[in-house]
Amino acid sequence: MSDQISLEIIIFFGVMIIFLLAISAVFVYWILLARRALESGRQKQKTAGQKDPKDNSSRKNGSLKYSYLKK
């Protein structure tokens, strides 16, 4: 009887460890995703003043306000 109880305890803790590892992997993924988003945001801020040579729109200074009047 005690062998069965100890086996159940070992299985329970094994499942809990796997569950905690899965949760921590999700958090690490979220942190890496947030870091990548922040770095791409910083990169966009650095290049905000430069005009993209592929951009053929009529907007100036990143504003689309009254762009229909500039035509």
PDB file of N, CA and C in Angstrom:
ATOM      1  N   MET A   1       0.824  -1.200   0.000  1.00  0.00           N
ATOM      2  CA  MET A   1       0.000   0.000   0.000  1.00  0.00           C
ATOM      3  C   MET A   1       0.866   1.262   0.000  1.00  0.00           C
ATOM      4  N   SER A   2       1.923   1.245   0.782  1.00  0.00           N
ATOM      5  CA  SER A   2       2.783   2.425   0.838  1.00  0.00           C
ATOM      6  C   SER A   2       3.560   2.599  -0.463  1.00  0.00           C
ATOM      7  N   ASP A   3       3.819   1.495  -1.171  1.00  0.00           N
ATOM      8  CA  ASP A   3       4.486   1.601  -2.467  1.00  0.00           C
ATOM      9  C   ASP A   3       3.612   2.338  -3.469  1.00  0.00           C
ATOM     10  N   GLN A   4       2.308   2.067  -3.420  1.00  0.00           N
ATOM     11  CA  GLN A   4       1.391   2.726  -4.341  1.00  0.00           C
ATOM     12  C   GLN A   4       1.293   4.223  -4.025  1.00  0.00           C
ATOM     13  N   ILE A   5       1.268   4.559  -2.739  1.00  0.00           N
ATOM     14  CA  ILE A   5       1.180   5.969  -2.342  1.00  0.00           C
ATOM     15  C   ILE A   5       2.452   6.708  -2.761  1.00  0.00           C
ATOM     16  N   SER A   6       3.604   6.111  -2.550  1.00  0.00           N
ATOM     17  CA  SER A   6       4.844   6.781  -2.934  1.00  0.00           C
ATOM     18  C   SER A   6       4.940   6.919  -4.452  1.00  0.00           C
ATOM     19  N   LEU A   7       4.431   5.937  -5.187  1.00  0.00           N
ATOM     20  CA  LEU A   7       4.420   6.034  -6.645  1.00  0.00           C
ATOM     21  C   LEU A   7       3.500   7.163  -7.105  1.00  0.00           C
ATOM     22  N   GLU A   8       2.337   7.298  -6.447  1.00  0.00           N
ATOM     23  CA  GLU A   8       1.419   8.392  -6.794  1.00  0.00           C
ATOM     24  C   GLU A   8       2.047   9.753  -6.483  1.00  0.00           C
ATOM     25  N   ILE A   9       2.774   9.835  -5.383  1.00  0.00           N
ATOM     26  CA  ILE A   9       3.433  11.099  -5.027  1.00  0.00           C
ATOM     27  C   ILE A   9       4.514  11.440  -6.046  1.00  0.00           C
ATOM     28  N   ILE A  10       5.287  10.458  -6.460  1.00  0.00           N
ATOM     29  CA  ILE A  10       6.332  10.689  -7.461  1.00  0.00           C
ATOM     30  C   ILE A  10       5.718  11.134  -8.784  1.00  0.00           C
ATOM     31  N   ILE A  11       4.636  10.481  -9.201  1.00  0.00           N
ATOM     32  CA  ILE A  11       3.958  10.865 -10.451  1.00  0.00           C
ATOM     33  C   ILE A  11       3.394  12.280 -10.330  1.00  0.00           C
ATOM     34  N   PHE A  12       2.783  12.590  -9.169  1.00  0.00           N
ATOM     35  CA  PHE A  12       2.209  13.919  -8.964  1.00  0.00           C
ATOM     36  C   PHE A  12       3.283  15.002  -9.082  1.00  0.00           C
ATOM     37  N   PHE A  13       4.408  14.807  -8.391  1.00  0.00           N
ATOM     38  CA  PHE A  13       5.464  15.813  -8.449  1.00  0.00           C
ATOM     39  C   PHE A  13       6.094  15.881  -9.838  1.00  0.00           C
ATOM     40  N   GLY A  14       6.176  14.768 -10.530  1.00  0.00           N
ATOM     41  CA  GLY A  14       6.688  14.785 -11.902  1.00  0.00           C
ATOM     42  C   GLY A  14       5.800  15.602 -12.824  1.00  0.00           C
ATOM     43  N   VAL A  15       4.485  15.404 -12.685  1.00  0.00           N
ATOM     44  CA  VAL A  15       3.536  16.171 -13.503  1.00  0.00           C
ATOM     45  C   VAL A  15       3.608  17.654 -13.148  1.00  0.00           C
ATOM     46  N   MET A  16       3.734  17.972 -11.857  1.00  0.00           N
ATOM     47  CA  MET A  16       3.836  19.373 -11.442  1.00  0.00           C
ATOM     48  C   MET A  16       5.108  20.025 -11.995  1.00  0.00           C
ATOM     49  N   ILE A  17       6.212  19.296 -11.974  1.00  0.00           N
ATOM     50  CA  ILE A  17       7.464  19.850 -12.507  1.00  0.00           C
ATOM     51  C   ILE A  17       7.336  20.109 -14.002  1.00  0.00           C
ATOM     52  N   ILE A  18       6.730  19.181 -14.737  1.00  0.00           N
ATOM     53  CA  ILE A  18       6.532  19.376 -16.178  1.00  0.00           C
ATOM     54  C   ILE A  18       5.617  20.572 -16.431  1.00  0.00           C
ATOM     55  N   PHE A  19       4.560  20.703 -15.622  1.00  0.00           N
ATOM     56  CA  PHE A  19       3.627  21.820 -15.761  1.00  0.00           C
ATOM     57  C   PHE A  19       4.336  23.152 -15.508  1.00  0.00           C
ATOM     58  N   LEU A  20       5.151  23.217 -14.454  1.00  0.00           N
ATOM     59  CA  LEU A  20       5.879  24.454 -14.154  1.00  0.00           C
ATOM     60  C   LEU A  20       6.907  24.779 -15.230  1.00  0.00           C
ATOM     61  N   LEU A  21       7.541  23.765 -15.789  1.00  0.00           N
ATOM     62  CA  LEU A  21       8.479  24.005 -16.889  1.00  0.00           C
ATOM     63  C   LEU A  21       7.757  24.563 -18.112  1.00  0.00           C
ATOM     64  N   ALA A  22       6.558  24.051 -18.390  1.00  0.00           N
ATOM     65  CA  ALA A  22       5.795  24.555 -19.535  1.00  0.00           C
ATOM     66  C   ALA A  22       5.394  26.014 -19.310  1.00  0.00           C
ATOM     67  N   ILE A  23       4.956  26.344 -18.102  1.00  0.00           N
ATOM     68  CA  ILE A  23       4.570  27.726 -17.807  1.00  0.00           C
ATOM     69  C   ILE A  23       5.781  28.655 -17.905  1.00  0.00           C
ATOM     70  N   SER A  24       6.919  28.224 -17.384  1.00  0.00           N
ATOM     71  CA  SER A  24       8.108  29.076 -17.457  1.00  0.00           C
ATOM     72  C   SER A  24       8.581  29.242 -18.898  1.00  0.00           C
ATOM     73  N   ALA A  25       8.410  28.210 -19.729  1.00  0.00           N
ATOM     74  CA  ALA A  25       8.777  28.344 -21.142  1.00  0.00           C
ATOM     75  C   ALA A  25       7.892  29.377 -21.828  1.00  0.00           C
ATOM     76  N   VAL A  26       6.608  29.405 -21.483  1.00  0.00           N
ATOM     77  CA  VAL A  26       5.700  30.406 -22.059  1.00  0.00           C
ATOM     78  C   VAL A  26       6.121  31.810 -21.625  1.00  0.00           C
ATOM     79  N   PHE A  27       6.487  31.981 -20.361  1.00  0.00           N
ATOM     80  CA  PHE A  27       6.923  33.300 -19.894  1.00  0.00           C
ATOM     81  C   PHE A  27       8.214  33.741 -20.569  1.00  0.00           C
ATOM     82  N   VAL A  28       9.145  32.829 -20.748  1.00  0.00           N
ATOM     83  CA  VAL A  28      10.388  33.175 -21.442  1.00  0.00           C
ATOM     84  C   VAL A  28      10.092  33.587 -22.878  1.00  0.00           C
ATOM     85  N   TYR A  29       9.168  32.878 -23.531  1.00  0.00           N
ATOM     86  CA  TYR A  29       8.782  33.227 -24.898  1.00  0.00           C
ATOM     87  C   TYR A  29       8.162  34.618 -24.940  1.00  0.00           C
ATOM     88  N   TRP A  30       7.282  34.927 -23.975  1.00  0.00           N
ATOM     89  CA  TRP A  30       6.665  36.255 -23.928  1.00  0.00           C
ATOM     90  C   TRP A  30       7.709  37.338 -23.712  1.00  0.00           C
ATOM     91  N   ILE A  31       8.685  37.082 -22.842  1.00  0.00           N
ATOM     92  CA  ILE A  31       9.724  38.081 -22.571  1.00  0.00           C
ATOM     93  C   ILE A  31      10.562  38.326 -23.820  1.00  0.00           C
ATOM     94  N   LEU A  32      10.930  37.255 -24.511  1.00  0.00           N
ATOM     95  CA  LEU A  32      11.714  37.428 -25.739  1.00  0.00           C
ATOM     96  C   LEU A  32      10.908  38.149 -26.811  1.00  0.00           C
ATOM     97  N   LEU A  33       9.615  37.857 -26.893  1.00  0.00           N
ATOM     98  CA  LEU A  33       8.751  38.528 -27.863  1.00  0.00           C
ATOM     99  C   LEU A  33       8.645  40.018 -27.539  1.00  0.00           C
ATOM    100  N   ALA A  34       8.492  40.343 -26.259  1.00  0.00           N
ATOM    101  CA  ALA A  34       8.396  41.750 -25.859  1.00  0.00           C
ATOM    102  C   ALA A  34       9.709  42.477 -26.115  1.00  0.00           C
ATOM    103  N   ARG A  35      10.840  41.814 -25.869  1.00  0.00           N
ATOM    104  CA  ARG A  35      12.137  42.448 -26.119  1.00  0.00           C
ATOM    105  C   ARG A  35      12.318  42.725 -27.601  1.00  0.00           C
ATOM    106  N   ARG A  36      11.899  41.772 -28.449  1.00  0.00           N
ATOM    107  CA  ARG A  36      12.026  41.973 -29.894  1.00  0.00           C
ATOM    108  C   ARG A  36      11.123  43.113 -30.355  1.00  0.00           C
ATOM    109  N   ALA A  37       9.924  43.207 -29.772  1.00  0.00           N
ATOM    110  CA  ALA A  37       9.016  44.295 -30.144  1.00  0.00           C
ATOM    111  C   ALA A  37       9.575  45.643 -29.706  1.00  0.00           C
ATOM    112  N   LEU A  38      10.176  45.691 -28.514  1.00  0.00           N
ATOM    113  CA  LEU A  38      10.769  46.951 -28.056  1.00  0.00           C
ATOM    114  C   LEU A  38      11.942  47.364 -28.929  1.00  0.00           C
ATOM    115  N   GLU A  39      12.779  46.407 -29.306  1.00  0.00           N
ATOM    116  CA  GLU A  39      13.932  46.749 -30.138  1.00  0.00           C
ATOM    117  C   GLU A  39      13.506  47.183 -31.532  1.00  0.00           C
ATOM    118  N   SER A  40      12.459  46.568 -32.073  1.00  0.00           N
ATOM    119  CA  SER A  40      11.996  47.010 -33.387  1.00  0.00           C
ATOM    120  C   SER A  40      11.354  48.387 -33.278  1.00  0.00           C
ATOM    121  N   GLY A  41      10.725  48.680 -32.144  1.00  0.00           N
ATOM    122  CA  GLY A  41      10.179  50.013 -31.925  1.00  0.00           C
ATOM    123  C   GLY A  41      11.268  51.059 -31.845  1.00  0.00           C
ATOM    124  N   ARG A  42      12.372  50.720 -31.175  1.00  0.00           N
ATOM    125  CA  ARG A  42      13.506  51.649 -31.113  1.00  0.00           C
ATOM    126  C   ARG A  42      14.110  51.851 -32.493  1.00  0.00           C
ATOM    127  N   GLN A  43      14.169  50.788 -33.272  1.00  0.00           N
ATOM    128  CA  GLN A  43      14.720  50.893 -34.624  1.00  0.00           C
ATOM    129  C   GLN A  43      13.839  51.800 -35.475  1.00  0.00           C
ATOM    130  N   LYS A  44      12.514  51.696 -35.300  1.00  0.00           N
ATOM    131  CA  LYS A  44      11.614  52.565 -36.056  1.00  0.00           C
ATOM    132  C   LYS A  44      11.775  54.016 -35.625  1.00  0.00           C
ATOM    133  N   GLN A  45      12.039  54.244 -34.326  1.00  0.00           N
ATOM    134  CA  GLN A  45      12.243  55.615 -33.866  1.00  0.00           C
ATOM    135  C   GLN A  45      13.523  56.201 -34.441  1.00  0.00           C
ATOM    136  N   LYS A  46      14.557  55.387 -34.569  1.00  0.00           N
ATOM    137  CA  LYS A  46      15.815  55.881 -35.125  1.00  0.00           C
ATOM    138  C   LYS A  46      15.659  56.269 -36.587  1.00  0.00           C
ATOM    139  N   THR A  47      14.870  55.512 -37.327  1.00  0.00           N
ATOM    140  CA  THR A  47      14.718  55.760 -38.759  1.00  0.00           C
ATOM    141  C   THR A  47      13.455  56.552 -39.067  1.00  0.00           C
ATOM    142  N   ALA A  48      12.836  57.171 -38.046  1.00  0.00           N
ATOM    143  CA  ALA A  48      11.574  57.872 -38.280  1.00  0.00           C
ATOM    144  C   ALA A  48      11.770  59.115 -39.135  1.00  0.00           C
ATOM    145  N   GLY A  49      12.912  59.785 -39.010  1.00  0.00           N
ATOM    146  CA  GLY A  49      13.133  61.002 -39.772  1.00  0.00           C
ATOM    147  C   GLY A  49      13.552  60.760 -41.200  1.00  0.00           C
ATOM    148  N   GLN A  50      14.001  59.559 -41.505  1.00  0.00           N
ATOM    149  CA  GLN A  50      14.472  59.260 -42.853  1.00  0.00           C
ATOM    150  C   GLN A  50      13.303  58.815 -43.725  1.00  0.00           C
ATOM    151  N   LYS A  51      13.316  59.241 -44.975  1.00  0.00           N
ATOM    152  CA  LYS A  51      12.254  58.850 -45.896  1.00  0.00           C
ATOM    153  C   LYS A  51      12.613  57.528 -46.547  1.00  0.00           C
ATOM    154  N   ASP A  52      11.642  56.665 -46.596  1.00  0.00           N
ATOM    155  CA  ASP A  52      11.843  55.366 -47.226  1.00  0.00           C
ATOM    156  C   ASP A  52      11.848  55.560 -48.737  1.00  0.00           C
ATOM    157  N   PRO A  53      12.886  55.129 -49.446  1.00  0.00           N
ATOM    158  CA  PRO A  53      12.913  55.334 -50.899  1.00  0.00           C
ATOM    159  C   PRO A  53      11.812  54.572 -51.631  1.00  0.00           C
ATOM    160  N   LYS A  54      11.271  53.528 -51.016  1.00  0.00           N
ATOM    161  CA  LYS A  54      10.197  52.763 -51.661  1.00  0.00           C
ATOM    162  C   LYS A  54       8.824  53.377 -51.407  1.00  0.00           C
ATOM    163  N   ASP A  55       8.764  54.392 -50.545  1.00  0.00           N
ATOM    164  CA  ASP A  55       7.486  54.985 -50.171  1.00  0.00           C
ATOM    165  C   ASP A  55       7.100  56.039 -51.207  1.00  0.00           C
ATOM    166  N   ASN A  56       6.051  55.793 -51.958  1.00  0.00           N
ATOM    167  CA  ASN A  56       5.616  56.721 -52.999  1.00  0.00           C
ATOM    168  C   ASN A  56       4.405  57.542 -52.581  1.00  0.00           C
ATOM    169  N   SER A  57       4.043  57.489 -51.315  1.00  0.00           N
ATOM    170  CA  SER A  57       2.847  58.205 -50.883  1.00  0.00           C
ATOM    171  C   SER A  57       3.135  59.700 -50.772  1.00  0.00           C
ATOM    172  N   SER A  58       2.082  60.468 -50.641  1.00  0.00           N
ATOM    173  CA  SER A  58       2.227  61.920 -50.603  1.00  0.00           C
ATOM    174  C   SER A  58       2.325  62.442 -49.177  1.00  0.00           C
ATOM    175  N   ARG A  59       2.480  61.581 -48.197  1.00  0.00           N
ATOM    176  CA  ARG A  59       2.499  62.062 -46.817  1.00  0.00           C
ATOM    177  C   ARG A  59       3.848  62.679 -46.477  1.00  0.00           C
ATOM    178  N   LYS A  60       3.817  63.692 -45.638  1.00  0.00           N
ATOM    179  CA  LYS A  60       5.040  64.354 -45.187  1.00  0.00           C
ATOM    180  C   LYS A  60       5.057  64.299 -43.667  1.00  0.00           C
ATOM    181  N   ASN A  61       6.209  64.055 -43.110  1.00  0.00           N
ATOM    182  CA  ASN A  61       6.414  63.971 -41.666  1.00  0.00           C
ATOM    183  C   ASN A  61       5.525  62.906 -41.028  1.00  0.00           C
ATOM    184  N   GLY A  62       5.181  61.881 -41.758  1.00  0.00           N
ATOM    185  CA  GLY A  62       4.394  60.786 -41.219  1.00  0.00           C
ATOM    186  C   GLY A  62       2.936  61.113 -41.009  1.00  0.00           C
ATOM    187  N   SER A  63       2.441  62.208 -41.537  1.00  0.00           N
ATOM    188  CA  SER A  63       1.061  62.601 -41.305  1.00  0.00           C
ATOM    189  C   SER A  63       0.237  62.388 -42.565  1.00  0.00           C
ATOM    190  N   LEU A  64      -0.924  61.785 -42.391  1.00  0.00           N
ATOM    191  CA  LEU A  64      -1.838  61.598 -43.515  1.00  0.00           C
ATOM    192  C   LEU A  64      -2.943  62.658 -43.512  1.00  0.00           C
ATOM    193  N   LYS A  65      -2.851  63.613 -42.590  1.00  0.00           N
ATOM    194  CA  LYS A  65      -3.890  64.623 -42.459  1.00  0.00           C
ATOM    195  C   LYS A  65      -3.878  65.543 -43.680  1.00  0.00           C
ATOM    196  N   TYR A  66      -4.994  65.742 -44.277  1.00  0.00           N
ATOM    197  CA  TYR A  66      -5.177  66.587 -45.462  1.00  0.00           C
ATOM    198  C   TYR A  66      -4.317  66.141 -46.641  1.00  0.00           C
ATOM    199  N   SER A  67      -4.039  64.859 -46.735  1.00  0.00           N
ATOM    200  CA  SER A  67      -3.211  64.392 -47.850  1.00  0.00           C
ATOM    201  C   SER A  67      -3.963  64.519 -49.174  1.00  0.00           C
ATOM    202  N   TYR A  68      -5.293  64.565 -49.127  1.00  0.00           N
ATOM    203  CA  TYR A  68      -6.050  64.718 -50.364  1.00  0.00           C
ATOM    204  C   TYR A  68      -5.930  66.134 -50.917  1.00  0.00           C
ATOM    205  N   LEU A  69      -5.558  67.113 -50.089  1.00  0.00           N
ATOM    206  CA  LEU A  69      -5.407  68.485 -50.572  1.00  0.00           C
ATOM    207  C   LEU A  69      -4.046  68.724 -51.215  1.00  0.00           C
ATOM    208  N   LYS A  70      -3.075  67.857 -50.937  1.00  0.00           N
ATOM    209  CA  LYS A  70      -1.719  68.071 -51.438  1.00  0.00           C
ATOM    210  C   LYS A  70      -1.537  67.571 -52.860  1.00  0.00           C
ATOM    211  N   LYS A  71      -2.538  66.945 -53.423  1.00  0.00           N
ATOM    212  CA  LYS A  71      -2.382  66.355 -54.757  1.00  0.00           C
ATOM    213  C   LYS A  71      -2.304  67.392 -55.806  1.00  0.00           C
TER     214      LYS A  71
END
